[in-house]
N, C-alpha and C. Protein backbone atom coordinates (compact mmCIF):
# COMPACT_ATOMS: atom_id res chain seq x y z
N MET A 1 0.76 -1.21 0.04
CA MET A 1 -0.09 0.07 0.01
C MET A 1 0.64 1.18 0.01
N MET A 2 0.54 2.41 -0.59
CA MET A 2 0.74 3.58 -0.59
C MET A 2 0.05 4.92 -0.19
N LYS A 3 0.58 5.98 0.32
CA LYS A 3 -0.18 6.99 0.53
C LYS A 3 -0.74 7.63 -0.63
N ALA A 4 -2.00 8.39 -0.57
CA ALA A 4 -2.41 9.07 -1.61
C ALA A 4 -3.28 10.17 -1.03
N VAL A 5 -3.29 11.11 -2.03
CA VAL A 5 -4.50 12.23 -1.83
C VAL A 5 -5.50 11.96 -2.41
N LEU A 6 -6.55 11.80 -1.65
CA LEU A 6 -8.14 11.26 -2.20
C LEU A 6 -8.98 12.14 -2.04
N TYR A 7 -9.77 12.07 -2.61
CA TYR A 7 -11.16 12.91 -2.50
C TYR A 7 -12.45 12.00 -2.01
N ASP A 8 -13.10 12.96 -1.22
CA ASP A 8 -14.30 12.17 -0.25
C ASP A 8 -15.40 11.95 -1.23
N THR A 9 -15.72 10.73 -1.40
CA THR A 9 -16.65 9.99 -2.62
C THR A 9 -18.00 10.71 -2.53
N GLU A 10 -18.42 10.60 -0.90
CA GLU A 10 -19.87 11.39 -0.99
C GLU A 10 -19.94 12.83 -1.65
N LEU A 11 -18.62 13.71 -1.50
CA LEU A 11 -18.81 15.09 -1.50
C LEU A 11 -18.27 15.26 -3.17
N LYS A 12 -17.13 14.28 -3.65
CA LYS A 12 -16.71 14.37 -4.46
C LYS A 12 -16.23 15.58 -4.96
N ASN A 13 -17.00 16.60 -5.72
CA ASN A 13 -16.82 17.89 -6.17
C ASN A 13 -17.01 18.98 -4.93
N GLY A 14 -15.98 19.50 -5.04
CA GLY A 14 -15.77 20.90 -3.85
C GLY A 14 -14.23 21.14 -4.02
N GLY A 15 -13.97 22.05 -2.75
CA GLY A 15 -12.69 22.84 -2.53
C GLY A 15 -11.84 21.66 -1.74
N PRO A 16 -10.70 22.31 -1.38
CA PRO A 16 -9.79 21.27 -0.45
C PRO A 16 -10.62 20.45 0.62
N GLU A 17 -11.61 20.80 1.30
CA GLU A 17 -12.36 20.40 2.47
C GLU A 17 -13.00 18.66 2.08
N THR A 18 -12.83 18.39 0.58
CA THR A 18 -13.05 17.13 -0.14
C THR A 18 -11.81 16.14 -0.13
N LEU A 19 -10.79 16.96 0.02
CA LEU A 19 -9.65 16.07 0.34
C LEU A 19 -9.04 15.34 1.26
N HIS A 20 -8.31 14.24 1.14
CA HIS A 20 -7.68 13.55 2.37
C HIS A 20 -6.71 12.82 2.54
N VAL A 21 -5.84 12.24 3.22
CA VAL A 21 -4.79 11.34 2.83
C VAL A 21 -5.33 10.05 3.20
N GLY A 22 -4.98 9.11 2.31
CA GLY A 22 -5.62 7.42 2.37
C GLY A 22 -4.44 6.63 1.89
N GLU A 23 -4.74 5.34 1.63
CA GLU A 23 -3.84 4.23 1.30
C GLU A 23 -4.51 3.64 0.21
N VAL A 24 -3.92 3.55 -1.25
CA VAL A 24 -4.33 2.98 -2.28
C VAL A 24 -3.10 1.83 -2.40
N PRO A 25 -3.57 0.91 -3.08
CA PRO A 25 -2.61 -0.03 -3.50
C PRO A 25 -1.53 0.38 -4.39
N MET A 26 -0.48 -0.33 -4.19
CA MET A 26 0.81 0.20 -5.30
C MET A 26 0.08 -0.35 -6.76
N PRO A 27 0.67 0.76 -7.54
CA PRO A 27 0.39 0.86 -9.20
C PRO A 27 1.17 -0.15 -9.77
N VAL A 28 0.63 -1.21 -10.55
CA VAL A 28 1.73 -1.74 -11.43
C VAL A 28 1.55 -1.04 -12.83
N ALA A 29 2.53 -1.27 -13.89
CA ALA A 29 2.46 -1.17 -15.40
C ALA A 29 1.82 -2.22 -15.67
N LYS A 30 0.94 -2.11 -16.59
CA LYS A 30 -0.39 -3.03 -17.11
C LYS A 30 0.39 -3.39 -18.52
N ASN A 31 1.24 -2.43 -19.14
CA ASN A 31 1.46 -3.20 -20.55
C ASN A 31 2.99 -2.21 -20.78
N ASP A 32 3.29 -2.55 -21.91
CA ASP A 32 4.70 -2.25 -22.30
C ASP A 32 4.98 -0.50 -22.32
N ASP A 33 3.81 0.18 -22.36
CA ASP A 33 3.90 1.63 -22.82
C ASP A 33 3.66 2.59 -21.17
N GLU A 34 3.54 1.77 -20.22
CA GLU A 34 3.33 2.26 -19.04
C GLU A 34 4.29 2.17 -18.52
N VAL A 35 4.58 2.92 -17.34
CA VAL A 35 5.80 3.06 -16.23
C VAL A 35 5.18 3.33 -14.84
N VAL A 36 6.04 2.98 -13.69
CA VAL A 36 5.89 3.49 -12.41
C VAL A 36 6.61 4.34 -11.83
N ILE A 37 6.21 5.47 -11.73
CA ILE A 37 7.54 6.40 -11.47
C ILE A 37 7.18 6.61 -9.49
N LYS A 38 8.03 6.62 -9.18
CA LYS A 38 8.41 6.73 -7.59
C LYS A 38 8.23 8.32 -7.42
N ILE A 39 7.06 8.69 -7.11
CA ILE A 39 6.74 10.04 -6.90
C ILE A 39 7.10 10.93 -5.79
N GLU A 40 8.08 11.94 -5.76
CA GLU A 40 8.74 12.68 -4.87
C GLU A 40 8.05 13.93 -4.63
N ALA A 41 7.58 14.91 -5.52
CA ALA A 41 6.67 15.77 -5.41
C ALA A 41 5.39 16.32 -6.47
N THR A 42 4.61 16.57 -6.12
CA THR A 42 3.48 16.90 -7.14
C THR A 42 3.08 18.28 -6.97
N ALA A 43 2.22 18.79 -7.72
CA ALA A 43 2.17 20.23 -7.70
C ALA A 43 0.28 20.36 -8.00
N VAL A 44 -0.18 21.39 -7.46
CA VAL A 44 -1.49 21.51 -8.02
C VAL A 44 -1.77 23.10 -9.00
N ASN A 45 -2.26 22.51 -10.02
CA ASN A 45 -2.50 23.71 -10.90
C ASN A 45 -3.99 23.93 -11.26
N ARG A 46 -4.26 24.56 -12.21
CA ARG A 46 -5.61 25.27 -12.49
C ARG A 46 -6.69 23.35 -12.88
N ALA A 47 -6.08 22.87 -13.38
CA ALA A 47 -6.56 22.00 -14.23
C ALA A 47 -7.10 20.85 -12.69
N ASP A 48 -6.41 20.57 -12.00
CA ASP A 48 -6.45 19.83 -10.85
C ASP A 48 -7.48 20.43 -10.13
N ILE A 49 -7.45 21.86 -10.06
CA ILE A 49 -8.63 22.42 -9.15
C ILE A 49 -9.82 22.45 -10.13
N LEU A 50 -9.94 22.66 -11.07
CA LEU A 50 -11.12 22.37 -11.87
C LEU A 50 -11.86 21.00 -12.07
N GLN A 51 -11.18 20.02 -11.83
CA GLN A 51 -11.13 18.71 -11.90
C GLN A 51 -11.80 18.26 -10.52
N ARG A 52 -11.60 18.88 -9.28
CA ARG A 52 -12.11 18.53 -7.92
C ARG A 52 -13.49 19.29 -8.26
N GLN A 53 -13.58 20.40 -8.90
CA GLN A 53 -14.85 21.16 -8.81
C GLN A 53 -16.02 20.34 -9.92
N GLY A 54 -15.34 19.56 -10.54
CA GLY A 54 -16.26 18.92 -10.88
C GLY A 54 -16.50 19.35 -12.76
N LYS A 55 -15.55 20.65 -13.05
CA LYS A 55 -15.65 20.99 -14.25
C LYS A 55 -14.59 20.59 -15.13
N TYR A 56 -14.21 19.59 -14.77
CA TYR A 56 -12.75 18.96 -15.55
C TYR A 56 -12.68 17.48 -15.38
N PRO A 57 -13.79 16.64 -16.25
CA PRO A 57 -13.70 15.39 -15.85
C PRO A 57 -12.40 14.60 -16.07
N PRO A 58 -11.88 13.57 -15.63
CA PRO A 58 -10.84 12.76 -15.93
C PRO A 58 -11.31 11.70 -16.75
N GLN A 59 -10.28 11.32 -17.60
CA GLN A 59 -10.49 10.48 -19.05
C GLN A 59 -11.36 9.00 -18.27
N PRO A 60 -12.25 8.41 -18.92
CA PRO A 60 -12.67 6.99 -18.83
C PRO A 60 -11.55 6.03 -18.34
N GLY A 61 -11.48 5.46 -17.60
CA GLY A 61 -10.55 4.33 -17.11
C GLY A 61 -9.46 5.06 -16.48
N VAL A 62 -9.24 6.28 -16.07
CA VAL A 62 -8.07 6.85 -15.69
C VAL A 62 -8.09 6.17 -13.99
N THR A 63 -6.97 6.36 -13.28
CA THR A 63 -7.12 6.22 -12.02
C THR A 63 -7.89 6.89 -10.92
N HIS A 64 -8.59 6.76 -9.86
CA HIS A 64 -9.29 7.90 -9.14
C HIS A 64 -8.86 8.57 -8.23
N VAL A 65 -7.19 8.39 -8.07
CA VAL A 65 -6.54 9.26 -7.62
C VAL A 65 -5.97 10.67 -8.56
N MET A 66 -6.15 11.90 -7.90
CA MET A 66 -6.06 12.77 -8.88
C MET A 66 -4.48 13.13 -8.81
N GLY A 67 -4.33 14.30 -9.47
CA GLY A 67 -2.87 14.97 -9.83
C GLY A 67 -2.21 14.71 -11.02
N LEU A 68 -2.04 15.80 -11.83
CA LEU A 68 -1.84 15.76 -13.05
C LEU A 68 -0.53 15.80 -13.49
N GLU A 69 0.29 16.17 -12.75
CA GLU A 69 1.95 16.40 -12.89
C GLU A 69 2.36 15.70 -11.51
N CYS A 70 3.90 15.55 -11.84
CA CYS A 70 4.69 14.87 -10.88
C CYS A 70 5.91 15.05 -11.24
N ALA A 71 6.81 14.78 -10.16
CA ALA A 71 8.39 14.82 -10.37
C ALA A 71 8.60 13.44 -9.52
N GLY A 72 9.65 12.50 -9.95
CA GLY A 72 10.23 11.38 -9.16
C GLY A 72 11.58 10.80 -9.60
N TYR A 73 11.20 9.48 -9.34
CA TYR A 73 12.32 8.61 -10.07
C TYR A 73 11.77 7.28 -10.35
N LEU A 74 12.28 7.11 -12.02
CA LEU A 74 12.35 6.04 -12.58
C LEU A 74 13.68 5.23 -12.99
N ASN A 75 13.72 3.87 -12.18
CA ASN A 75 14.96 3.54 -12.44
C ASN A 75 16.10 4.13 -12.11
N ASP A 76 15.79 4.88 -10.71
CA ASP A 76 17.18 5.94 -10.27
C ASP A 76 17.56 6.84 -10.97
N LYS A 77 16.41 7.40 -12.30
CA LYS A 77 16.62 8.42 -12.66
C LYS A 77 15.84 9.46 -12.16
N ARG A 78 15.93 10.84 -12.22
CA ARG A 78 15.07 12.13 -11.70
C ARG A 78 14.30 12.30 -13.20
N VAL A 79 12.81 12.16 -13.07
CA VAL A 79 12.00 12.20 -14.26
C VAL A 79 11.09 12.99 -13.70
N MET A 80 9.77 13.62 -14.82
CA MET A 80 8.93 14.46 -14.34
C MET A 80 7.96 13.89 -15.31
N ALA A 81 6.86 14.00 -15.10
CA ALA A 81 5.61 14.12 -15.99
C ALA A 81 4.43 14.56 -16.21
N LEU A 82 3.84 14.71 -17.10
CA LEU A 82 2.61 15.09 -17.18
C LEU A 82 1.44 13.93 -17.13
N LEU A 83 0.25 14.00 -16.57
CA LEU A 83 -0.51 12.70 -16.30
C LEU A 83 -1.70 12.89 -16.44
N PRO A 84 -2.65 11.51 -16.92
CA PRO A 84 -3.77 12.06 -16.98
C PRO A 84 -4.43 11.72 -15.30
N GLY A 85 -3.68 11.34 -14.81
CA GLY A 85 -4.36 11.14 -13.01
C GLY A 85 -3.05 10.19 -12.22
N GLY A 86 -3.19 10.40 -11.14
CA GLY A 86 -2.72 9.89 -10.29
C GLY A 86 -1.53 10.58 -9.66
N GLY A 87 -0.98 11.74 -9.74
CA GLY A 87 0.16 12.11 -9.46
C GLY A 87 -0.10 12.80 -8.00
N TYR A 88 -0.96 12.79 -7.28
CA TYR A 88 -0.84 12.82 -5.82
C TYR A 88 -0.73 11.50 -5.26
N ALA A 89 0.16 10.75 -5.51
CA ALA A 89 0.19 9.34 -4.74
C ALA A 89 1.71 9.22 -4.71
């Protein structure tokens, strides 16, 4: 398990009061064009805020963990990424 910033599924849309720290299963790469990044930092940008407010829905099939950008490590190399979701984990 790993820690992630999650949103309250009952409130779902709203301000920061809908967010909380919880635990989710460790992700796995499902095919050859996916990787798992050890996230060290993330950011909150306008798209994250709009998504939390219900004005910018995530793509179908994307993780329920929010976060559209991150920085961290992949095979001991520093990386950054723009993501469809999951940057808050």
